[in-house]
Amino acid sequence: MTSSPDLELLLRQKKRAVAVVITFALALWLGAWWVRGQFGVTPIFTTMLNLITLAAFFWSMIASYQILRIRRQIRAEAKPEAQTSKTD
C-alpha cells in the first residue's frame, strides 16, 4: 500500500489537474461561442467543441471521484494511528 505522503502528493496533483482542465475547457467553450458569433463559423465546429468540452467535464467528474476516494483512504490510514496514540 502507498504511504500517506505519497497519497497526499497524488491528491495535490489530481486537484491541480482537475482545476486546469475545468478552467481550460470552460475558456475553450466560451471562446468557441464567441468566435461563432463574431465570424459565423459553422455549427459543426461548435458542436465538436461542445463534445470536447463535455468530455473534459466528464473526465473531471471521474477525477474528482478519485480524489474523494484518495481522501477517504488517507483518513482511514490516519484513524488507527490516532486510536493507538490514545491508548498509550
Protein backbone atom coordinates (compact mmCIF):
# COMPACT_ATOMS: atom_id res chain seq x y z
CA MET A 1 0.00 0.00 0.00
CA THR A 2 1.18 3.53 -0.65
CA SER A 3 2.27 5.71 2.21
CA SER A 4 0.29 8.76 3.24
CA PRO A 5 2.80 11.37 1.91
CA ASP A 6 2.65 9.68 -1.50
CA LEU A 7 -1.14 9.78 -1.41
CA GLU A 8 -1.14 13.43 -0.40
CA LEU A 9 1.18 14.28 -3.29
CA LEU A 10 -1.07 12.36 -5.68
CA LEU A 11 -4.07 14.19 -4.23
CA ARG A 12 -2.49 17.61 -4.84
CA GLN A 13 -1.52 16.67 -8.40
CA LYS A 14 -5.02 15.41 -9.22
CA LYS A 15 -6.64 18.52 -7.72
CA ARG A 16 -4.40 20.75 -9.81
CA ALA A 17 -5.09 18.74 -12.97
CA VAL A 18 -8.86 18.90 -12.43
CA ALA A 19 -8.73 22.65 -11.86
CA VAL A 20 -6.66 23.22 -15.01
CA VAL A 21 -8.88 21.01 -17.18
CA ILE A 22 -12.09 22.68 -15.96
CA THR A 23 -10.63 26.15 -16.47
CA PHE A 24 -9.33 25.49 -19.99
CA ALA A 25 -12.46 23.58 -21.04
CA LEU A 26 -14.68 26.45 -19.97
CA ALA A 27 -12.42 29.02 -21.66
CA LEU A 28 -12.38 26.94 -24.86
CA TRP A 29 -16.14 26.59 -24.80
CA LEU A 30 -16.74 30.30 -24.23
CA GLY A 31 -14.18 31.19 -26.88
CA ALA A 32 -15.82 28.87 -29.40
CA TRP A 33 -19.20 30.51 -28.91
CA TRP A 34 -17.66 33.97 -29.19
CA VAL A 35 -15.86 33.02 -32.43
CA ARG A 36 -19.07 31.56 -33.82
CA GLY A 37 -20.95 34.76 -33.06
CA GLN A 38 -18.25 37.06 -34.45
CA PHE A 39 -17.19 35.18 -37.55
CA GLY A 40 -20.17 32.99 -38.39
CA VAL A 41 -18.36 29.66 -38.01
CA THR A 42 -20.38 26.60 -38.99
CA PRO A 43 -22.43 24.91 -36.28
CA ILE A 44 -20.49 21.66 -36.73
CA PHE A 45 -17.41 23.43 -35.34
CA THR A 46 -19.17 24.47 -32.15
CA THR A 47 -20.86 21.09 -31.86
CA MET A 48 -17.47 19.40 -31.96
CA LEU A 49 -16.11 21.79 -29.34
CA ASN A 50 -19.21 21.19 -27.21
CA LEU A 51 -18.48 17.47 -27.28
CA ILE A 52 -14.82 18.05 -26.41
CA THR A 53 -15.87 20.27 -23.52
CA LEU A 54 -18.38 17.68 -22.35
CA ALA A 55 -15.66 15.01 -22.41
CA ALA A 56 -13.36 17.26 -20.37
CA PHE A 57 -16.07 17.84 -17.76
CA PHE A 58 -16.84 14.12 -17.65
CA TRP A 59 -13.15 13.37 -17.08
CA SER A 60 -13.05 15.97 -14.31
CA MET A 61 -16.02 14.30 -12.61
CA ILE A 62 -14.23 10.95 -12.69
CA ALA A 63 -11.01 12.52 -11.40
CA SER A 64 -12.96 14.29 -8.64
CA TYR A 65 -14.40 10.95 -7.55
CA GLN A 66 -10.86 9.52 -7.46
CA ILE A 67 -9.82 12.48 -5.28
CA LEU A 68 -12.67 11.66 -2.91
CA ARG A 69 -11.51 8.04 -2.70
CA ILE A 70 -7.91 9.08 -2.02
CA ARG A 71 -9.08 11.41 0.78
CA ARG A 72 -11.06 8.59 2.35
CA GLN A 73 -8.02 6.32 2.14
CA ILE A 74 -5.81 8.93 3.82
CA ARG A 75 -8.36 9.36 6.62
CA ALA A 76 -8.69 5.60 7.05
CA GLU A 77 -4.91 5.26 7.38
CA ALA A 78 -4.77 8.12 9.90
CA LYS A 79 -7.56 6.75 12.13
CA PRO A 80 -5.72 3.69 13.50
CA GLU A 81 -2.71 5.87 14.34
CA ALA A 82 -4.91 8.28 16.29
CA GLN A 83 -6.57 5.43 18.19
CA THR A 84 -3.27 3.80 19.16
CA SER A 85 -1.90 7.10 20.47
CA LYS A 86 -4.95 7.49 22.74
CA THR A 87 -4.35 4.10 24.36
CA ASP A 88 -0.68 4.84 25.08
